[in-house]
Amino acid sequence: MSIEQDEMESFELVFSVQIDEGRILELLVDDISSGDCVWQVTNASGQVLERSEIYQDQAHCLRDGLNKTLK
C-alpha cells in the first residue's frame, strides 16, 4: 500500500533519473516537516505508475527505488 496523492502536498522533487524511454524514477522529500521521503515511478507525461511507502532514510529510499525499477 502506498500513500495517497493528497498526502504528497508537502513533498518536493529533489532527484530524478530516466530509467528507460518511458519511465522516470523520482525521489520526493518532505523538507517542511520531517525529512521523510518516497520514490515514485512516472511515465513521460508525469502520470504516477508506482509509489513507495514513506522512508525516514533518503539513501535507503533511493536505493530501493533504483533496485525496484532496474529489475
Protein backbone atom coordinates (compact mmCIF):
# COMPACT_ATOMS: atom_id res chain seq x y z
CA MET A 1 0.00 0.00 0.00
CA SER A 2 1.32 3.44 -0.84
CA ILE A 3 0.48 6.93 0.28
CA GLU A 4 -2.27 8.88 -1.43
CA GLN A 5 -1.77 11.98 -3.60
CA ASP A 6 -3.29 14.33 -1.00
CA GLU A 7 -0.62 13.20 1.48
CA MET A 8 2.08 14.29 -1.00
CA GLU A 9 1.41 18.04 -0.85
CA SER A 10 4.44 18.89 1.31
CA PHE A 11 6.84 16.64 -0.64
CA GLU A 12 9.21 18.23 -3.15
CA LEU A 13 11.08 16.62 -6.03
CA VAL A 14 14.80 16.53 -5.22
CA PHE A 15 16.15 13.94 -7.65
CA SER A 16 15.03 12.23 -10.85
CA VAL A 17 16.63 9.78 -13.24
CA GLN A 18 15.46 8.46 -16.61
CA ILE A 19 15.06 4.67 -16.27
CA ASP A 20 14.14 3.92 -19.86
CA GLU A 21 12.30 5.54 -22.77
CA GLY A 22 9.02 5.72 -20.89
CA ARG A 23 9.81 5.80 -17.16
CA ILE A 24 11.39 8.24 -14.71
CA LEU A 25 12.34 7.48 -11.10
CA GLU A 26 11.73 10.43 -8.79
CA LEU A 27 12.79 10.96 -5.18
CA LEU A 28 10.49 13.29 -3.25
CA VAL A 29 11.34 14.68 0.19
CA ASP A 30 9.17 16.29 2.86
CA ASP A 31 11.61 19.05 3.84
CA ILE A 32 8.98 21.14 5.54
CA SER A 33 8.18 18.85 8.44
CA SER A 34 10.07 15.60 8.79
CA GLY A 35 12.58 14.96 6.02
CA ASP A 36 10.72 11.76 5.13
CA CYS A 37 10.90 10.68 1.52
CA VAL A 38 9.27 8.46 -1.09
CA TRP A 39 10.29 7.22 -4.50
CA GLN A 40 7.89 7.08 -7.40
CA VAL A 41 7.99 5.99 -11.00
CA THR A 42 6.26 8.20 -13.54
CA ASN A 43 5.72 7.94 -17.27
CA ALA A 44 6.80 10.59 -19.76
CA SER A 45 3.58 12.57 -19.23
CA GLY A 46 4.00 12.66 -15.44
CA GLN A 47 1.43 10.02 -14.52
CA VAL A 48 2.48 8.13 -11.37
CA LEU A 49 2.86 4.43 -12.17
CA GLU A 50 4.12 3.29 -8.78
CA ARG A 51 4.90 4.92 -5.43
CA SER A 52 6.65 3.62 -2.32
CA GLU A 53 5.77 3.83 1.32
CA ILE A 54 7.35 6.64 3.34
CA TYR A 55 11.02 6.21 4.23
CA GLN A 56 12.84 8.03 7.01
CA ASP A 57 16.23 7.46 5.35
CA GLN A 58 16.71 9.11 1.95
CA ALA A 59 19.61 6.84 0.96
CA HIS A 60 17.53 3.70 1.56
CA CYS A 61 14.64 5.26 -0.34
CA LEU A 62 16.80 5.94 -3.40
CA ARG A 63 18.47 2.51 -3.20
CA ASP A 64 15.14 0.68 -3.05
CA GLY A 65 13.68 2.78 -5.86
CA LEU A 66 16.64 2.02 -8.10
CA ASN A 67 16.56 -1.67 -7.22
CA LYS A 68 12.83 -1.87 -7.95
CA THR A 69 13.00 -0.12 -11.32
CA LEU A 70 16.16 -1.75 -12.65
CA LYS A 71 14.96 -5.35 -12.20
